[in-house]
Amino acid sequence: QLRLFLRYDVSGLVVEVHDSGSGVPRV
């Protein structure tokens, strides 16, 4: 599975998507 994590605080909003695969994404 993947995990979606959202955090909102005084500095703003952070979105994180955690997976267990190898490799590094690139633009």
PDB file of all heavy atoms in Angstrom:
ATOM      1  N   GLN A   1       0.840  -1.192   0.000  1.00  0.00           N
ATOM      2  CA  GLN A   1       0.000   0.000   0.000  1.00  0.00           C
ATOM      3  C   GLN A   1       0.877   1.245   0.000  1.00  0.00           C
ATOM      4  O   GLN A   1       2.079   1.177   0.222  1.00  0.00           O
ATOM      5  CB  GLN A   1      -0.882   0.024   1.252  1.00  0.00           C
ATOM      6  CG  GLN A   1      -1.858  -1.115   1.343  1.00  0.00           C
ATOM      7  CD  GLN A   1      -2.695  -1.029   2.610  1.00  0.00           C
ATOM      8  OE1 GLN A   1      -2.246  -0.523   3.644  1.00  0.00           O
ATOM      9  NE2 GLN A   1      -3.910  -1.528   2.538  1.00  0.00           N
ATOM     10  N   LEU A   2       0.237   2.386  -0.221  1.00  0.00           N
ATOM     11  CA  LEU A   2       0.912   3.663  -0.055  1.00  0.00           C
ATOM     12  C   LEU A   2       0.242   4.393   1.104  1.00  0.00           C
ATOM     13  O   LEU A   2      -0.884   4.088   1.473  1.00  0.00           O
ATOM     14  CB  LEU A   2       0.874   4.506  -1.332  1.00  0.00           C
ATOM     15  CG  LEU A   2      -0.473   5.032  -1.823  1.00  0.00           C
ATOM     16  CD1 LEU A   2      -0.816   6.373  -1.188  1.00  0.00           C
ATOM     17  CD2 LEU A   2      -0.450   5.172  -3.324  1.00  0.00           C
ATOM     18  N   ARG A   3       0.958   5.338   1.661  1.00  0.00           N
ATOM     19  CA  ARG A   3       0.431   6.140   2.775  1.00  0.00           C
ATOM     20  C   ARG A   3       0.425   7.600   2.360  1.00  0.00           C
ATOM     21  O   ARG A   3       1.455   8.128   1.921  1.00  0.00           O
ATOM     22  CB  ARG A   3       1.306   5.956   4.005  1.00  0.00           C
ATOM     23  CG  ARG A   3       0.928   6.843   5.165  1.00  0.00           C
ATOM     24  CD  ARG A   3       1.909   6.607   6.319  1.00  0.00           C
ATOM     25  NE  ARG A   3       1.717   7.567   7.366  1.00  0.00           N
ATOM     26  CZ  ARG A   3       2.674   8.305   7.891  1.00  0.00           C
ATOM     27  NH1 ARG A   3       3.915   8.192   7.450  1.00  0.00           N
ATOM     28  NH2 ARG A   3       2.421   9.148   8.848  1.00  0.00           N
ATOM     29  N   LEU A   4      -0.731   8.237   2.496  1.00  0.00           N
ATOM     30  CA  LEU A   4      -0.859   9.668   2.252  1.00  0.00           C
ATOM     31  C   LEU A   4      -0.928  10.362   3.606  1.00  0.00           C
ATOM     32  O   LEU A   4      -1.752  10.003   4.452  1.00  0.00           O
ATOM     33  CB  LEU A   4      -2.124   9.965   1.436  1.00  0.00           C
ATOM     34  CG  LEU A   4      -2.489  11.437   1.261  1.00  0.00           C
ATOM     35  CD1 LEU A   4      -1.388  12.213   0.541  1.00  0.00           C
ATOM     36  CD2 LEU A   4      -3.813  11.559   0.516  1.00  0.00           C
ATOM     37  N   PHE A   5      -0.055  11.322   3.799  1.00  0.00           N
ATOM     38  CA  PHE A   5       0.059  12.036   5.058  1.00  0.00           C
ATOM     39  C   PHE A   5      -0.116  13.524   4.780  1.00  0.00           C
ATOM     40  O   PHE A   5       0.570  14.076   3.913  1.00  0.00           O
ATOM     41  CB  PHE A   5       1.445  11.751   5.654  1.00  0.00           C
ATOM     42  CG  PHE A   5       1.729  12.445   6.941  1.00  0.00           C
ATOM     43  CD1 PHE A   5       1.263  11.924   8.139  1.00  0.00           C
ATOM     44  CD2 PHE A   5       2.486  13.608   6.961  1.00  0.00           C
ATOM     45  CE1 PHE A   5       1.542  12.568   9.331  1.00  0.00           C
ATOM     46  CE2 PHE A   5       2.779  14.243   8.145  1.00  0.00           C
ATOM     47  CZ  PHE A   5       2.296  13.719   9.338  1.00  0.00           C
ATOM     48  N   LEU A   6      -1.029  14.183   5.499  1.00  0.00           N
ATOM     49  CA  LEU A   6      -1.281  15.612   5.355  1.00  0.00           C
ATOM     50  C   LEU A   6      -1.043  16.289   6.702  1.00  0.00           C
ATOM     51  O   LEU A   6      -1.533  15.813   7.731  1.00  0.00           O
ATOM     52  CB  LEU A   6      -2.725  15.872   4.920  1.00  0.00           C
ATOM     53  CG  LEU A   6      -3.215  15.135   3.680  1.00  0.00           C
ATOM     54  CD1 LEU A   6      -4.718  15.296   3.530  1.00  0.00           C
ATOM     55  CD2 LEU A   6      -2.491  15.635   2.443  1.00  0.00           C
ATOM     56  N   ARG A   7      -0.317  17.395   6.697  1.00  0.00           N
ATOM     57  CA  ARG A   7      -0.083  18.153   7.920  1.00  0.00           C
ATOM     58  C   ARG A   7      -0.296  19.632   7.636  1.00  0.00           C
ATOM     59  O   ARG A   7       0.308  20.194   6.719  1.00  0.00           O
ATOM     60  CB  ARG A   7       1.325  17.935   8.447  1.00  0.00           C
ATOM     61  CG  ARG A   7       1.551  18.642   9.799  1.00  0.00           C
ATOM     62  CD  ARG A   7       2.961  18.490  10.306  1.00  0.00           C
ATOM     63  NE  ARG A   7       3.826  19.402   9.560  1.00  0.00           N
ATOM     64  CZ  ARG A   7       4.958  19.050   8.967  1.00  0.00           C
ATOM     65  NH1 ARG A   7       5.382  17.822   8.990  1.00  0.00           N
ATOM     66  NH2 ARG A   7       5.684  19.938   8.323  1.00  0.00           N
ATOM     67  N   TYR A   8      -1.171  20.252   8.448  1.00  0.00           N
ATOM     68  CA  TYR A   8      -1.442  21.686   8.311  1.00  0.00           C
ATOM     69  C   TYR A   8      -1.104  22.362   9.627  1.00  0.00           C
ATOM     70  O   TYR A   8      -1.569  21.951  10.683  1.00  0.00           O
ATOM     71  CB  TYR A   8      -2.914  21.899   7.948  1.00  0.00           C
ATOM     72  CG  TYR A   8      -3.329  23.339   7.908  1.00  0.00           C
ATOM     73  CD1 TYR A   8      -2.713  24.235   7.043  1.00  0.00           C
ATOM     74  CD2 TYR A   8      -4.338  23.812   8.734  1.00  0.00           C
ATOM     75  CE1 TYR A   8      -3.092  25.568   7.000  1.00  0.00           C
ATOM     76  CE2 TYR A   8      -4.730  25.136   8.687  1.00  0.00           C
ATOM     77  CZ  TYR A   8      -4.113  26.015   7.826  1.00  0.00           C
ATOM     78  OH  TYR A   8      -4.486  27.330   7.790  1.00  0.00           O
ATOM     79  N   ASP A   9      -0.259  23.392   9.556  1.00  0.00           N
ATOM     80  CA  ASP A   9       0.082  24.156  10.752  1.00  0.00           C
ATOM     81  C   ASP A   9       0.318  25.609  10.351  1.00  0.00           C
ATOM     82  O   ASP A   9       0.010  25.999   9.223  1.00  0.00           O
ATOM     83  CB  ASP A   9       1.271  23.548  11.496  1.00  0.00           C
ATOM     84  CG  ASP A   9       2.544  23.482  10.655  1.00  0.00           C
ATOM     85  OD1 ASP A   9       2.689  24.275   9.696  1.00  0.00           O
ATOM     86  OD2 ASP A   9       3.403  22.648  10.954  1.00  0.00           O
ATOM     87  N   VAL A  10       0.876  26.377  11.252  1.00  0.00           N
ATOM     88  CA  VAL A  10       1.042  27.809  11.000  1.00  0.00           C
ATOM     89  C   VAL A  10       1.937  28.105   9.802  1.00  0.00           C
ATOM     90  O   VAL A  10       1.833  29.175   9.211  1.00  0.00           O
ATOM     91  CB  VAL A  10       1.574  28.541  12.257  1.00  0.00           C
ATOM     92  CG1 VAL A  10       0.562  28.501  13.359  1.00  0.00           C
ATOM     93  CG2 VAL A  10       2.892  27.971  12.713  1.00  0.00           C
ATOM     94  N   SER A  11       2.812  27.190   9.439  1.00  0.00           N
ATOM     95  CA  SER A  11       3.698  27.446   8.304  1.00  0.00           C
ATOM     96  C   SER A  11       3.093  27.034   6.969  1.00  0.00           C
ATOM     97  O   SER A  11       3.583  27.422   5.926  1.00  0.00           O
ATOM     98  CB  SER A  11       5.039  26.731   8.504  1.00  0.00           C
ATOM     99  OG  SER A  11       4.849  25.341   8.530  1.00  0.00           O
ATOM    100  N   GLY A  12       2.035  26.244   6.994  1.00  0.00           N
ATOM    101  CA  GLY A  12       1.387  25.854   5.751  1.00  0.00           C
ATOM    102  C   GLY A  12       0.955  24.404   5.750  1.00  0.00           C
ATOM    103  O   GLY A  12       0.728  23.804   6.801  1.00  0.00           O
ATOM    104  N   LEU A  13       0.869  23.845   4.562  1.00  0.00           N
ATOM    105  CA  LEU A  13       0.380  22.485   4.374  1.00  0.00           C
ATOM    106  C   LEU A  13       1.476  21.628   3.750  1.00  0.00           C
ATOM    107  O   LEU A  13       2.114  22.042   2.780  1.00  0.00           O
ATOM    108  CB  LEU A  13      -0.843  22.494   3.459  1.00  0.00           C
ATOM    109  CG  LEU A  13      -1.449  21.152   3.105  1.00  0.00           C
ATOM    110  CD1 LEU A  13      -2.157  20.549   4.320  1.00  0.00           C
ATOM    111  CD2 LEU A  13      -2.428  21.294   1.963  1.00  0.00           C
ATOM    112  N   VAL A  14       1.673  20.443   4.306  1.00  0.00           N
ATOM    113  CA  VAL A  14       2.632  19.486   3.762  1.00  0.00           C
ATOM    114  C   VAL A  14       1.869  18.251   3.318  1.00  0.00           C
ATOM    115  O   VAL A  14       1.016  17.744   4.048  1.00  0.00           O
ATOM    116  CB  VAL A  14       3.694  19.087   4.820  1.00  0.00           C
ATOM    117  CG1 VAL A  14       4.616  17.999   4.272  1.00  0.00           C
ATOM    118  CG2 VAL A  14       4.493  20.302   5.255  1.00  0.00           C
ATOM    119  N   VAL A  15       2.163  17.777   2.126  1.00  0.00           N
ATOM    120  CA  VAL A  15       1.608  16.547   1.571  1.00  0.00           C
ATOM    121  C   VAL A  15       2.775  15.581   1.419  1.00  0.00           C
ATOM    122  O   VAL A  15       3.798  15.938   0.829  1.00  0.00           O
ATOM    123  CB  VAL A  15       0.966  16.790   0.188  1.00  0.00           C
ATOM    124  CG1 VAL A  15       0.531  15.485  -0.455  1.00  0.00           C
ATOM    125  CG2 VAL A  15      -0.186  17.779   0.290  1.00  0.00           C
ATOM    126  N   GLU A  16       2.626  14.359   1.944  1.00  0.00           N
ATOM    127  CA  GLU A  16       3.653  13.332   1.760  1.00  0.00           C
ATOM    128  C   GLU A  16       2.990  12.057   1.280  1.00  0.00           C
ATOM    129  O   GLU A  16       1.958  11.662   1.798  1.00  0.00           O
ATOM    130  CB  GLU A  16       4.367  13.013   3.085  1.00  0.00           C
ATOM    131  CG  GLU A  16       5.284  14.070   3.571  1.00  0.00           C
ATOM    132  CD  GLU A  16       6.073  13.625   4.800  1.00  0.00           C
ATOM    133  OE1 GLU A  16       6.043  12.425   5.160  1.00  0.00           O
ATOM    134  OE2 GLU A  16       6.713  14.494   5.407  1.00  0.00           O
ATOM    135  N   VAL A  17       3.624  11.413   0.312  1.00  0.00           N
ATOM    136  CA  VAL A  17       3.182  10.103  -0.153  1.00  0.00           C
ATOM    137  C   VAL A  17       4.340   9.141   0.072  1.00  0.00           C
ATOM    138  O   VAL A  17       5.423   9.322  -0.475  1.00  0.00           O
ATOM    139  CB  VAL A  17       2.755  10.133  -1.636  1.00  0.00           C
ATOM    140  CG1 VAL A  17       2.408   8.743  -2.118  1.00  0.00           C
ATOM    141  CG2 VAL A  17       1.575  11.078  -1.825  1.00  0.00           C
ATOM    142  N   HIS A  18       4.089   8.135   0.905  1.00  0.00           N
ATOM    143  CA  HIS A  18       5.102   7.142   1.253  1.00  0.00           C
ATOM    144  C   HIS A  18       4.817   5.862   0.480  1.00  0.00           C
ATOM    145  O   HIS A  18       3.668   5.410   0.436  1.00  0.00           O
ATOM    146  CB  HIS A  18       5.052   6.817   2.744  1.00  0.00           C
ATOM    147  CG  HIS A  18       5.358   7.983   3.616  1.00  0.00           C
ATOM    148  ND1 HIS A  18       6.029   7.844   4.799  1.00  0.00           N
ATOM    149  CD2 HIS A  18       5.092   9.312   3.499  1.00  0.00           C
ATOM    150  CE1 HIS A  18       6.157   9.033   5.370  1.00  0.00           C
ATOM    151  NE2 HIS A  18       5.594   9.930   4.599  1.00  0.00           N
ATOM    152  N   ASP A  19       5.851   5.287  -0.119  1.00  0.00           N
ATOM    153  CA  ASP A  19       5.717   3.986  -0.767  1.00  0.00           C
ATOM    154  C   ASP A  19       6.913   3.124  -0.404  1.00  0.00           C
ATOM    155  O   ASP A  19       7.867   3.609   0.202  1.00  0.00           O
ATOM    156  CB  ASP A  19       5.528   4.112  -2.283  1.00  0.00           C
ATOM    157  CG  ASP A  19       6.755   4.641  -2.997  1.00  0.00           C
ATOM    158  OD1 ASP A  19       7.861   4.093  -2.786  1.00  0.00           O
ATOM    159  OD2 ASP A  19       6.628   5.593  -3.784  1.00  0.00           O
ATOM    160  N   SER A  20       6.852   1.868  -0.748  1.00  0.00           N
ATOM    161  CA  SER A  20       7.937   0.949  -0.388  1.00  0.00           C
ATOM    162  C   SER A  20       8.746   0.504  -1.596  1.00  0.00           C
ATOM    163  O   SER A  20       9.506  -0.453  -1.516  1.00  0.00           O
ATOM    164  CB  SER A  20       7.365  -0.273   0.342  1.00  0.00           C
ATOM    165  OG  SER A  20       6.376  -0.885  -0.454  1.00  0.00           O
ATOM    166  N   GLY A  21       8.614   1.207  -2.701  1.00  0.00           N
ATOM    167  CA  GLY A  21       9.349   0.858  -3.903  1.00  0.00           C
ATOM    168  C   GLY A  21      10.740   1.450  -3.933  1.00  0.00           C
ATOM    169  O   GLY A  21      11.072   2.360  -3.190  1.00  0.00           O
ATOM    170  N   SER A  22      11.547   0.928  -4.828  1.00  0.00           N
ATOM    171  CA  SER A  22      12.898   1.451  -5.004  1.00  0.00           C
ATOM    172  C   SER A  22      12.872   2.547  -6.062  1.00  0.00           C
ATOM    173  O   SER A  22      11.864   2.794  -6.704  1.00  0.00           O
ATOM    174  CB  SER A  22      13.846   0.329  -5.424  1.00  0.00           C
ATOM    175  OG  SER A  22      13.408  -0.213  -6.650  1.00  0.00           O
ATOM    176  N   GLY A  23      13.992   3.177  -6.246  1.00  0.00           N
ATOM    177  CA  GLY A  23      14.103   4.203  -7.278  1.00  0.00           C
ATOM    178  C   GLY A  23      13.755   5.575  -6.738  1.00  0.00           C
ATOM    179  O   GLY A  23      13.090   5.715  -5.719  1.00  0.00           O
ATOM    180  N   VAL A  24      14.241   6.575  -7.440  1.00  0.00           N
ATOM    181  CA  VAL A  24      13.990   7.965  -7.072  1.00  0.00           C
ATOM    182  C   VAL A  24      13.243   8.635  -8.216  1.00  0.00           C
ATOM    183  O   VAL A  24      13.699   8.600  -9.355  1.00  0.00           O
ATOM    184  CB  VAL A  24      15.320   8.703  -6.791  1.00  0.00           C
ATOM    185  CG1 VAL A  24      15.083  10.168  -6.491  1.00  0.00           C
ATOM    186  CG2 VAL A  24      16.071   8.024  -5.660  1.00  0.00           C
ATOM    187  N   PRO A  25      12.102   9.242  -7.933  1.00  0.00           N
ATOM    188  CA  PRO A  25      11.364   9.912  -9.004  1.00  0.00           C
ATOM    189  C   PRO A  25      12.139  11.115  -9.537  1.00  0.00           C
ATOM    190  O   PRO A  25      12.940  11.715  -8.826  1.00  0.00           O
ATOM    191  CB  PRO A  25      10.067  10.357  -8.330  1.00  0.00           C
ATOM    192  CG  PRO A  25      10.252  10.186  -6.889  1.00  0.00           C
ATOM    193  CD  PRO A  25      11.441   9.335  -6.656  1.00  0.00           C
ATOM    194  N   ARG A  26      11.886  11.437 -10.790  1.00  0.00           N
ATOM    195  CA  ARG A  26      12.567  12.577 -11.397  1.00  0.00           C
ATOM    196  C   ARG A  26      11.593  13.371 -12.250  1.00  0.00           C
ATOM    197  O   ARG A  26      10.594  12.839 -12.737  1.00  0.00           O
ATOM    198  CB  ARG A  26      13.743  12.108 -12.243  1.00  0.00           C
ATOM    199  CG  ARG A  26      13.344  11.242 -13.407  1.00  0.00           C
ATOM    200  CD  ARG A  26      14.556  10.725 -14.172  1.00  0.00           C
ATOM    201  NE  ARG A  26      14.149   9.803 -15.199  1.00  0.00           N
ATOM    202  CZ  ARG A  26      13.700  10.155 -16.400  1.00  0.00           C
ATOM    203  NH1 ARG A  26      13.625  11.412 -16.726  1.00  0.00           N
ATOM    204  NH2 ARG A  26      13.336   9.241 -17.273  1.00  0.00           N
ATOM    205  N   VAL A  27      11.911  14.628 -12.417  1.00  0.00           N
ATOM    206  CA  VAL A  27      11.113  15.511 -13.258  1.00  0.00           C
ATOM    207  C   VAL A  27      11.473  15.255 -14.709  1.00  0.00           C
ATOM    208  O   VAL A  27      12.655  15.214 -15.057  1.00  0.00           O
ATOM    209  CB  VAL A  27      11.359  16.991 -12.896  1.00  0.00           C
ATOM    210  CG1 VAL A  27      10.627  17.911 -13.853  1.00  0.00           C
ATOM    211  CG2 VAL A  27      10.928  17.263 -11.467  1.00  0.00           C
TER     212      VAL A  27
END
